[in-house]
Amino acid sequence: MSLPVLIGMSAQLLLNVIDGIYVGRLGRAESVAVLNYGVPIFYLLFAFFNGLSIGTSSVLARYIGARRGADAERTLGQIVWICLGVFALAMLVYPLAVPRYLAFLRASPETTALTHDFLTYLFLGMPLMILTLMLGGGLRAEGNMRTLASAQILAVLANIFIAPFFIFGAFKAFGLELHGLGWGVKGAGLATTFANTLAALYILRAYLAGKTQLRWIKWPAWSNLEGVRGIFKVGVPSSLSQILIGLNWILMTRIAANFDEASVAAIGIGGRLDLLAVFPALAVMTAVLTLVGQNFGAGRADRVRAAARAGLLTAFVLLASIGLLGFLFREGLIGLFHQDAETHALAVHYFSWQCLGFALVGINIVCSGAFQGIGRGLPFLLLTTMRLLMIAAPLAWYLSLRIGPLGMHYAPVIANFVTAVIALAWIFAALKKLPDHPRPRPGEHLPEA
């Protein structure tokens, strides 16, 4: 189950890396910095809806395990409309919030203008991305990982070929002199929007053609909101946890901004390569969440424990291997993004230290997925708060004062180690106490740990 998800998420990683490479070829430090200023604010919204998507997978998987397909379909239809409504409200605040956000980060006037353009075009495709996330949550709940992976691969292929025409005025490809729109960073935002639109249409086609176990009910009844409450119970802590990750990125950017644009760009480049750890870990977590949720709904605590153990072992071995490869090839990977010597050196130092903690990232993420599978979202939030707000951010600030821009690079690894130890002890204790329970009958409440 993890393999198609890993392929799809690797494709998504490639999408982010390609944008960074293309924008880096514009030859301006401000253009690279735009991605680091603009992506976190986009990530905050994405994190909220992605958290609800995880809650959707948890609830629907438990419904499927309990043989309550009609409840699952109603809940899926409800959460799509709720998320679209939340996004509409967020867009009312956007014109006021973004200028204050960029002022807080001390972005230069040129970078501010470029970031505003980038985000404007990026947000055009957000409603379709929300549709992809929520319907993708339904696909994950039923174990249909291939459709979601195919949609992500389609988006990446489209972005590879289309982005240069939006970003550059003139460029070479396959030995040909080609001409594009020359929109720079806003072209990168528009290309990503176009790619995500194709992914949404691909998933919509699967639902409308009846190729999924669950149907998407476009106009659901609203008399019973049990499933939605379950989604928010798991999804809101997950959303807040992911928002904290985005806020930590902003704080790291703010600390780096105390030095120079090269320090900011280095964090942005290294942060994109951190996805080499995050996406494989999320792939394993997705399979763990689905298997844990379905078997928990079916009353099979023995299989819940087996799925969690297998997921943790898989994540540790996989992420440790990726970390080793990333460390060995760090110079070449960083060289893809930027040719400035100072930025290159800082980014290599940052990424080298993060590679040491890749396996720890896998443990933290898979433990969170196991908790979410049994309907508990709060542990993820508490562990993320401890890791980012109580350890990583204060330590990065302190070390930057003592050592300089290199000092903040050590903080994430230390924070990941501490929380990985706590997460392992917590999940094993929770699963040990997990009782077997009979399968709920239609109309009964969702099982909870």
Protein backbone atom coordinates (compact mmCIF):
# COMPACT_ATOMS: atom_id res chain seq x y z
CA MET A 1 0.00 0.00 0.00
CA SER A 2 2.90 2.37 0.68
CA LEU A 3 4.57 1.91 -2.71
CA PRO A 4 1.98 3.71 -4.89
CA VAL A 5 1.77 6.47 -2.28
CA LEU A 6 5.54 6.77 -2.24
CA ILE A 7 5.63 6.99 -6.04
CA GLY A 8 2.93 9.66 -6.04
CA MET A 9 4.52 11.67 -3.24
CA SER A 10 7.94 11.36 -4.87
CA ALA A 11 6.34 12.83 -7.96
CA GLN A 12 4.99 15.65 -5.78
CA LEU A 13 8.48 16.15 -4.36
CA LEU A 14 9.79 16.36 -7.91
CA LEU A 15 7.18 19.05 -8.61
CA ASN A 16 8.55 21.18 -5.75
CA VAL A 17 12.16 20.54 -6.70
CA ILE A 18 11.53 21.42 -10.34
CA ASP A 19 9.95 24.74 -9.39
CA GLY A 20 13.02 25.53 -7.28
CA ILE A 21 15.36 24.62 -10.13
CA TYR A 22 13.45 26.68 -12.68
CA VAL A 23 13.21 29.74 -10.44
CA GLY A 24 16.87 29.38 -9.48
CA ARG A 25 17.71 29.67 -13.18
CA LEU A 26 16.27 33.20 -13.17
CA GLY A 27 19.60 34.16 -11.61
CA ARG A 28 18.29 36.40 -8.81
CA ALA A 29 18.58 35.67 -5.09
CA GLU A 30 15.26 37.47 -4.59
CA SER A 31 13.51 35.00 -6.87
CA VAL A 32 14.76 32.03 -4.85
CA ALA A 33 13.85 33.81 -1.61
CA VAL A 34 10.29 34.32 -2.93
CA LEU A 35 9.70 30.57 -2.77
CA ASN A 36 10.84 30.55 0.83
CA TYR A 37 8.65 33.54 1.73
CA GLY A 38 5.65 32.47 -0.32
CA VAL A 39 5.54 28.69 0.19
CA PRO A 40 5.14 28.84 4.01
CA ILE A 41 1.99 31.01 3.82
CA PHE A 42 0.56 28.70 1.18
CA TYR A 43 1.58 25.75 3.32
CA LEU A 44 -0.42 27.07 6.29
CA LEU A 45 -3.66 26.78 4.31
CA PHE A 46 -2.60 23.53 2.72
CA ALA A 47 -1.71 22.11 6.15
CA PHE A 48 -5.17 22.87 7.52
CA PHE A 49 -6.96 21.10 4.69
CA ASN A 50 -4.44 18.27 4.55
CA GLY A 51 -5.06 17.68 8.25
CA LEU A 52 -8.78 17.39 7.59
CA SER A 53 -7.94 15.01 4.74
CA ILE A 54 -6.10 12.81 7.24
CA GLY A 55 -9.11 13.00 9.55
CA THR A 56 -11.27 12.00 6.59
CA SER A 57 -9.11 8.93 5.92
CA SER A 58 -9.26 7.94 9.60
CA VAL A 59 -13.04 8.21 9.90
CA LEU A 60 -13.86 6.66 6.53
CA ALA A 61 -11.42 3.77 7.09
CA ARG A 62 -13.14 2.97 10.39
CA TYR A 63 -16.54 3.21 8.69
CA ILE A 64 -15.36 0.81 5.98
CA GLY A 65 -13.98 -1.62 8.56
CA ALA A 66 -17.34 -1.48 10.37
CA ARG A 67 -19.21 -2.02 7.06
CA ARG A 68 -20.93 1.38 7.14
CA GLY A 69 -20.42 2.47 3.53
CA ALA A 70 -23.45 4.78 3.37
CA ASP A 71 -22.21 6.76 6.39
CA ALA A 72 -18.78 7.03 4.79
CA GLU A 73 -20.21 8.42 1.53
CA ARG A 74 -22.40 10.96 3.31
CA THR A 75 -19.47 12.16 5.41
CA LEU A 76 -17.22 12.51 2.35
CA GLY A 77 -19.79 14.72 0.62
CA GLN A 78 -20.21 16.89 3.71
CA ILE A 79 -16.51 17.52 4.35
CA VAL A 80 -15.88 18.65 0.75
CA TRP A 81 -18.42 21.48 1.05
CA ILE A 82 -17.25 22.47 4.52
CA CYS A 83 -13.64 22.82 3.33
CA LEU A 84 -14.60 24.89 0.30
CA GLY A 85 -16.53 27.22 2.59
CA VAL A 86 -13.56 27.61 4.93
CA PHE A 87 -11.30 28.50 2.00
CA ALA A 88 -13.75 31.19 0.83
CA LEU A 89 -13.61 32.77 4.29
CA ALA A 90 -9.80 32.58 4.32
CA MET A 91 -9.61 34.51 1.05
CA LEU A 92 -11.43 37.41 2.69
CA VAL A 93 -8.55 37.76 5.16
CA TYR A 94 -5.76 37.17 2.61
CA PRO A 95 -5.37 40.80 1.35
CA LEU A 96 -4.84 42.04 4.91
CA ALA A 97 -2.71 39.21 6.27
CA VAL A 98 -0.06 38.76 3.57
CA PRO A 99 1.45 42.30 3.68
CA ARG A 100 1.80 42.07 7.47
CA TYR A 101 3.35 38.61 7.16
CA LEU A 102 5.98 39.82 4.68
CA ALA A 103 6.72 42.89 6.82
CA PHE A 104 7.31 40.60 9.80
CA LEU A 105 9.84 38.62 7.76
CA ARG A 106 11.60 41.85 6.68
CA ALA A 107 11.23 41.04 3.01
CA SER A 108 12.62 43.68 0.66
CA PRO A 109 10.15 45.70 -1.45
CA GLU A 110 11.12 43.78 -4.59
CA THR A 111 10.75 40.42 -2.85
CA THR A 112 7.40 41.52 -1.38
CA ALA A 113 6.01 42.37 -4.81
CA LEU A 114 7.27 39.11 -6.32
CA THR A 115 5.87 37.04 -3.43
CA HIS A 116 2.45 38.69 -3.78
CA ASP A 117 2.36 37.78 -7.49
CA PHE A 118 3.50 34.22 -6.77
CA LEU A 119 0.81 33.63 -4.12
CA THR A 120 -1.98 35.20 -6.16
CA TYR A 121 -1.49 32.77 -9.03
CA LEU A 122 -0.86 29.86 -6.66
CA PHE A 123 -4.15 30.39 -4.82
CA LEU A 124 -6.16 30.31 -8.05
CA GLY A 125 -6.00 26.52 -8.00
CA MET A 126 -6.61 26.07 -4.27
CA PRO A 127 -10.30 25.05 -4.55
CA LEU A 128 -9.38 22.19 -6.88
CA MET A 129 -6.50 21.23 -4.59
CA ILE A 130 -9.00 21.03 -1.71
CA LEU A 131 -11.15 18.74 -3.82
CA THR A 132 -8.10 16.57 -4.50
CA LEU A 133 -7.22 16.40 -0.80
CA MET A 134 -10.69 15.47 0.44
CA LEU A 135 -11.51 12.98 -2.30
CA GLY A 136 -7.98 11.67 -1.94
CA GLY A 137 -8.76 11.06 1.74
CA GLY A 138 -11.59 8.82 0.60
CA LEU A 139 -9.27 6.96 -1.78
CA ARG A 140 -6.76 6.35 1.02
CA ALA A 141 -9.48 5.12 3.37
CA GLU A 142 -10.55 2.41 0.93
CA GLY A 143 -6.94 1.49 0.11
CA ASN A 144 -7.11 2.84 -3.46
CA MET A 145 -3.62 4.31 -3.53
CA ARG A 146 -2.98 3.91 -7.27
CA THR A 147 -5.55 6.45 -8.44
CA LEU A 148 -4.14 9.12 -6.15
CA ALA A 149 -0.57 8.32 -7.20
CA SER A 150 -1.50 8.46 -10.89
CA ALA A 151 -3.05 11.91 -10.41
CA GLN A 152 0.11 13.19 -8.72
CA ILE A 153 2.33 11.79 -11.47
CA LEU A 154 0.14 13.46 -14.09
CA ALA A 155 0.52 16.80 -12.28
CA VAL A 156 4.31 16.50 -12.20
CA LEU A 157 4.65 15.61 -15.88
CA ALA A 158 2.45 18.54 -16.80
CA ASN A 159 4.50 20.90 -14.64
CA ILE A 160 7.82 19.74 -16.09
CA PHE A 161 6.76 20.65 -19.63
CA ILE A 162 4.51 23.64 -18.97
CA ALA A 163 6.39 25.59 -16.28
CA PRO A 164 9.25 26.82 -18.51
CA PHE A 165 6.74 28.41 -20.89
CA PHE A 166 5.20 30.35 -17.99
CA ILE A 167 8.47 31.28 -16.24
CA PHE A 168 10.96 32.13 -19.01
CA GLY A 169 10.79 34.50 -21.93
CA ALA A 170 13.26 32.41 -23.94
CA PHE A 171 14.91 29.10 -23.14
CA LYS A 172 16.51 26.03 -24.72
CA ALA A 173 15.03 22.52 -24.57
CA PHE A 174 15.87 19.43 -26.63
CA GLY A 175 18.23 21.54 -28.71
CA LEU A 176 15.48 23.98 -29.67
CA GLU A 177 15.18 27.72 -29.02
CA LEU A 178 11.76 28.18 -27.42
CA HIS A 179 9.83 31.25 -26.28
CA GLY A 180 7.50 31.58 -23.32
CA LEU A 181 5.51 34.18 -21.39
CA GLY A 182 8.44 35.27 -19.20
CA TRP A 183 6.34 35.74 -16.07
CA GLY A 184 9.08 34.67 -13.66
CA VAL A 185 7.98 33.58 -10.19
CA LYS A 186 4.29 34.28 -10.83
CA GLY A 187 4.59 31.93 -13.79
CA ALA A 188 5.84 29.26 -11.39
CA GLY A 189 2.70 29.76 -9.28
CA LEU A 190 0.45 29.56 -12.31
CA ALA A 191 2.17 26.40 -13.60
CA THR A 192 1.65 24.70 -10.23
CA THR A 193 -2.02 25.71 -10.28
CA PHE A 194 -2.43 24.23 -13.75
CA ALA A 195 -0.74 20.98 -12.70
CA ASN A 196 -2.90 20.65 -9.59
CA THR A 197 -6.02 21.27 -11.66
CA LEU A 198 -5.17 18.28 -13.85
CA ALA A 199 -4.73 16.12 -10.73
CA ALA A 200 -8.16 17.15 -9.43
CA LEU A 201 -9.84 16.39 -12.76
CA TYR A 202 -8.20 12.94 -12.85
CA ILE A 203 -9.54 12.05 -9.39
CA LEU A 204 -12.97 13.47 -10.18
CA ARG A 205 -13.12 11.28 -13.27
CA ALA A 206 -12.42 8.17 -11.17
CA TYR A 207 -15.28 8.97 -8.79
CA LEU A 208 -17.76 9.94 -11.49
CA ALA A 209 -16.93 6.84 -13.55
CA GLY A 210 -17.65 4.54 -10.59
CA LYS A 211 -14.07 3.27 -10.32
CA THR A 212 -13.96 3.80 -6.55
CA GLN A 213 -15.47 1.79 -3.70
CA LEU A 214 -17.01 4.90 -2.17
CA ARG A 215 -19.27 7.22 -4.16
CA TRP A 216 -18.93 10.98 -3.95
CA ILE A 217 -22.37 12.33 -3.02
CA LYS A 218 -22.28 15.90 -4.27
CA TRP A 219 -25.43 16.98 -2.38
CA PRO A 220 -25.35 15.04 0.91
CA ALA A 221 -27.93 15.12 3.69
CA TRP A 222 -26.95 17.22 6.71
CA SER A 223 -29.11 15.70 9.42
CA ASN A 224 -26.30 13.48 10.74
CA LEU A 225 -22.86 15.07 11.32
CA GLU A 226 -21.32 12.25 13.34
CA GLY A 227 -18.65 11.59 10.72
CA VAL A 228 -17.77 15.27 10.34
CA ARG A 229 -17.30 15.55 14.11
CA GLY A 230 -14.99 12.54 13.94
CA ILE A 231 -13.02 14.16 11.10
CA PHE A 232 -12.52 17.35 13.08
CA LYS A 233 -11.56 15.39 16.20
CA VAL A 234 -8.66 13.79 14.32
CA GLY A 235 -8.17 16.39 11.60
CA VAL A 236 -7.97 19.61 13.62
CA PRO A 237 -5.06 18.43 15.81
CA SER A 238 -3.39 17.15 12.65
CA SER A 239 -4.03 20.50 10.92
CA LEU A 240 -2.66 22.44 13.87
CA SER A 241 0.38 20.18 13.92
CA GLN A 242 1.05 20.82 10.24
CA ILE A 243 0.39 24.53 10.70
CA LEU A 244 3.01 24.50 13.45
CA ILE A 245 5.41 22.99 10.91
CA GLY A 246 4.67 25.91 8.59
CA LEU A 247 5.07 28.41 11.44
CA ASN A 248 8.37 26.81 12.35
CA TRP A 249 9.47 27.28 8.74
CA ILE A 250 8.49 30.94 9.02
CA LEU A 251 10.42 31.28 12.29
CA MET A 252 13.49 29.64 10.77
CA THR A 253 13.19 32.05 7.84
CA ARG A 254 12.87 34.97 10.27
CA ILE A 255 15.98 33.88 12.17
CA ALA A 256 17.89 33.46 8.90
CA ALA A 257 16.72 36.91 7.78
CA ASN A 258 18.77 38.39 10.62
CA PHE A 259 21.84 37.52 8.53
CA ASP A 260 21.30 37.86 4.76
CA GLU A 261 19.32 36.66 1.72
CA ALA A 262 21.80 33.80 1.21
CA SER A 263 20.88 32.39 4.63
CA VAL A 264 17.19 32.64 3.78
CA ALA A 265 17.67 30.97 0.39
CA ALA A 266 19.75 28.18 1.98
CA ILE A 267 16.93 27.32 4.40
CA GLY A 268 14.48 27.29 1.48
CA ILE A 269 16.64 24.98 -0.63
CA GLY A 270 17.40 22.66 2.28
CA GLY A 271 13.76 22.66 3.34
CA ARG A 272 12.69 21.46 -0.10
CA LEU A 273 15.20 18.61 0.07
CA ASP A 274 13.90 17.72 3.53
CA LEU A 275 10.90 16.38 1.63
CA LEU A 276 13.16 13.47 0.68
CA ALA A 277 12.45 12.29 4.23
CA VAL A 278 8.96 13.62 4.79
CA PHE A 279 7.27 12.15 1.71
CA PRO A 280 8.47 8.54 2.11
CA ALA A 281 7.54 8.72 5.78
CA LEU A 282 4.08 10.03 4.86
CA ALA A 283 3.70 7.20 2.35
CA VAL A 284 4.30 4.59 5.06
CA MET A 285 2.11 6.56 7.46
CA THR A 286 -0.75 6.57 4.95
CA ALA A 287 -0.69 2.78 4.71
CA VAL A 288 -0.44 2.46 8.49
CA LEU A 289 -3.37 4.84 9.03
CA THR A 290 -5.56 2.92 6.57
CA LEU A 291 -4.70 -0.53 7.91
CA VAL A 292 -4.94 0.55 11.55
CA GLY A 293 -8.26 2.36 10.93
CA GLN A 294 -9.95 -0.47 9.04
CA ASN A 295 -8.81 -3.15 11.51
CA PHE A 296 -9.69 -0.97 14.48
CA GLY A 297 -13.17 -0.50 13.02
CA ALA A 298 -13.39 -4.29 12.57
CA GLY A 299 -12.29 -4.95 16.18
CA ARG A 300 -8.94 -6.56 15.26
CA ALA A 301 -6.52 -5.05 17.80
CA ASP A 302 -3.94 -7.73 16.97
CA ARG A 303 -3.73 -6.48 13.38
CA VAL A 304 -3.64 -2.88 14.58
CA ARG A 305 -0.50 -3.64 16.59
CA ALA A 306 1.06 -5.61 13.72
CA ALA A 307 0.45 -2.78 11.23
CA ALA A 308 2.00 -0.19 13.56
CA ARG A 309 5.10 -2.31 14.22
CA ALA A 310 5.61 -3.08 10.54
CA GLY A 311 5.17 0.58 9.61
CA LEU A 312 7.72 1.80 12.17
CA LEU A 313 10.31 -0.74 11.09
CA THR A 314 9.75 0.04 7.41
CA ALA A 315 10.00 3.78 7.97
CA PHE A 316 13.18 3.52 10.02
CA VAL A 317 15.04 1.36 7.49
CA LEU A 318 13.76 3.30 4.47
CA LEU A 319 14.49 6.75 5.88
CA ALA A 320 17.90 5.78 7.24
CA SER A 321 18.84 4.57 3.74
CA ILE A 322 17.56 7.75 2.09
CA GLY A 323 19.43 9.84 4.66
CA LEU A 324 22.67 8.05 3.84
CA LEU A 325 22.20 8.54 0.10
CA GLY A 326 21.25 12.18 0.60
CA PHE A 327 24.41 12.78 2.64
CA LEU A 328 26.63 11.10 0.06
CA PHE A 329 25.17 13.10 -2.85
CA ARG A 330 24.47 16.36 -0.99
CA GLU A 331 26.77 18.51 -3.12
CA GLY A 332 25.10 17.50 -6.37
CA LEU A 333 21.58 17.82 -4.98
CA ILE A 334 22.19 21.33 -3.66
CA GLY A 335 23.94 22.28 -6.89
CA LEU A 336 20.71 21.75 -8.82
CA PHE A 337 19.13 24.79 -7.18
CA HIS A 338 21.58 27.66 -7.08
CA GLN A 339 25.10 28.51 -8.21
CA ASP A 340 25.85 31.27 -5.68
CA ALA A 341 28.84 30.06 -3.61
CA GLU A 342 27.67 31.41 -0.25
CA THR A 343 24.14 30.03 -0.59
CA HIS A 344 25.50 26.70 -1.79
CA ALA A 345 27.80 26.30 1.21
CA LEU A 346 25.07 27.18 3.71
CA ALA A 347 22.53 24.89 2.06
CA VAL A 348 24.99 21.97 2.00
CA HIS A 349 25.70 22.42 5.72
CA TYR A 350 21.99 22.55 6.57
CA PHE A 351 21.06 19.53 4.46
CA SER A 352 24.00 17.46 5.72
CA TRP A 353 22.76 17.71 9.29
CA GLN A 354 19.14 17.02 8.37
CA CYS A 355 20.16 13.76 6.64
CA LEU A 356 21.32 12.46 10.01
CA GLY A 357 17.80 12.78 11.36
CA PHE A 358 15.78 11.35 8.45
CA ALA A 359 15.10 8.05 10.28
CA LEU A 360 13.86 10.02 13.31
CA VAL A 361 11.46 11.94 11.07
CA GLY A 362 10.05 8.60 9.89
CA ILE A 363 9.44 7.41 13.47
CA ASN A 364 7.65 10.63 14.44
CA ILE A 365 5.38 10.63 11.40
CA VAL A 366 4.43 6.92 11.50
CA CYS A 367 3.68 7.07 15.24
CA SER A 368 1.32 9.94 14.51
CA GLY A 369 -0.38 7.94 11.75
CA ALA A 370 -0.96 5.00 14.09
CA PHE A 371 -2.58 7.31 16.64
CA GLN A 372 -4.76 8.87 13.95
CA GLY A 373 -5.85 5.43 12.73
CA ILE A 374 -7.39 4.66 16.14
CA GLY A 375 -9.10 8.05 16.22
CA ARG A 376 -6.64 9.97 18.39
CA GLY A 377 -5.36 13.20 16.86
CA LEU A 378 -4.13 14.93 20.02
CA PRO A 379 -0.81 13.01 20.40
CA PHE A 380 0.34 14.30 17.01
CA LEU A 381 -0.36 17.87 18.10
CA LEU A 382 1.38 17.47 21.46
CA LEU A 383 4.46 15.84 19.94
CA THR A 384 4.69 18.49 17.20
CA THR A 385 4.31 21.31 19.73
CA MET A 386 7.09 19.84 21.83
CA ARG A 387 9.35 19.29 18.85
CA LEU A 388 8.94 22.69 17.21
CA LEU A 389 7.89 25.25 19.79
CA MET A 390 9.56 23.86 22.89
CA ILE A 391 12.80 22.54 21.37
CA ALA A 392 13.57 23.38 17.72
CA ALA A 393 12.64 27.09 17.50
CA PRO A 394 14.17 28.24 20.82
CA LEU A 395 17.28 26.15 20.20
CA ALA A 396 17.68 27.51 16.65
CA TRP A 397 17.43 31.08 17.97
CA TYR A 398 19.94 30.44 20.76
CA LEU A 399 22.45 28.63 18.56
CA SER A 400 22.20 31.31 15.86
CA LEU A 401 23.20 33.90 18.46
CA ARG A 402 26.10 31.79 19.69
CA ILE A 403 27.42 30.34 16.42
CA GLY A 404 25.85 32.37 13.61
CA PRO A 405 23.71 31.18 10.66
CA LEU A 406 25.20 27.67 10.87
CA GLY A 407 24.02 27.24 14.45
CA MET A 408 20.33 27.10 13.61
CA HIS A 409 20.94 24.09 11.36
CA TYR A 410 21.54 21.77 14.33
CA ALA A 411 18.26 22.41 16.13
CA PRO A 412 15.87 20.26 14.00
CA VAL A 413 17.97 17.09 14.41
CA ILE A 414 18.12 17.44 18.20
CA ALA A 415 14.37 18.09 18.39
CA ASN A 416 13.58 15.08 16.19
CA PHE A 417 15.65 12.77 18.40
CA VAL A 418 13.93 13.80 21.63
CA THR A 419 10.39 13.51 20.26
CA ALA A 420 11.07 10.21 18.45
CA VAL A 421 11.98 8.56 21.76
CA ILE A 422 8.83 9.91 23.42
CA ALA A 423 6.61 8.99 20.45
CA LEU A 424 7.81 5.37 20.44
CA ALA A 425 7.18 4.93 24.15
CA TRP A 426 3.74 6.54 23.87
CA ILE A 427 2.42 4.57 20.88
CA PHE A 428 3.58 1.20 22.24
CA ALA A 429 1.93 1.94 25.58
CA ALA A 430 -1.31 2.96 23.86
CA LEU A 431 -1.45 -0.10 21.60
CA LYS A 432 -0.65 -2.46 24.47
CA LYS A 433 -3.76 -1.26 26.31
CA LEU A 434 -5.94 -1.46 23.19
CA PRO A 435 -8.83 -3.90 23.80
CA ASP A 436 -10.56 -5.97 21.16
CA HIS A 437 -14.13 -4.82 20.64
CA PRO A 438 -17.02 -6.15 18.51
CA ARG A 439 -17.76 -4.65 15.13
CA PRO A 440 -20.27 -1.76 15.52
CA ARG A 441 -23.69 -2.23 13.99
CA PRO A 442 -25.10 0.32 11.52
CA GLY A 443 -26.22 3.41 13.40
CA GLU A 444 -23.78 2.99 16.27
CA HIS A 445 -21.09 5.57 17.00
CA LEU A 446 -17.60 5.35 15.59
CA PRO A 447 -15.27 3.23 17.71
CA GLU A 448 -12.68 5.24 19.59
CA ALA A 449 -9.53 4.28 21.44
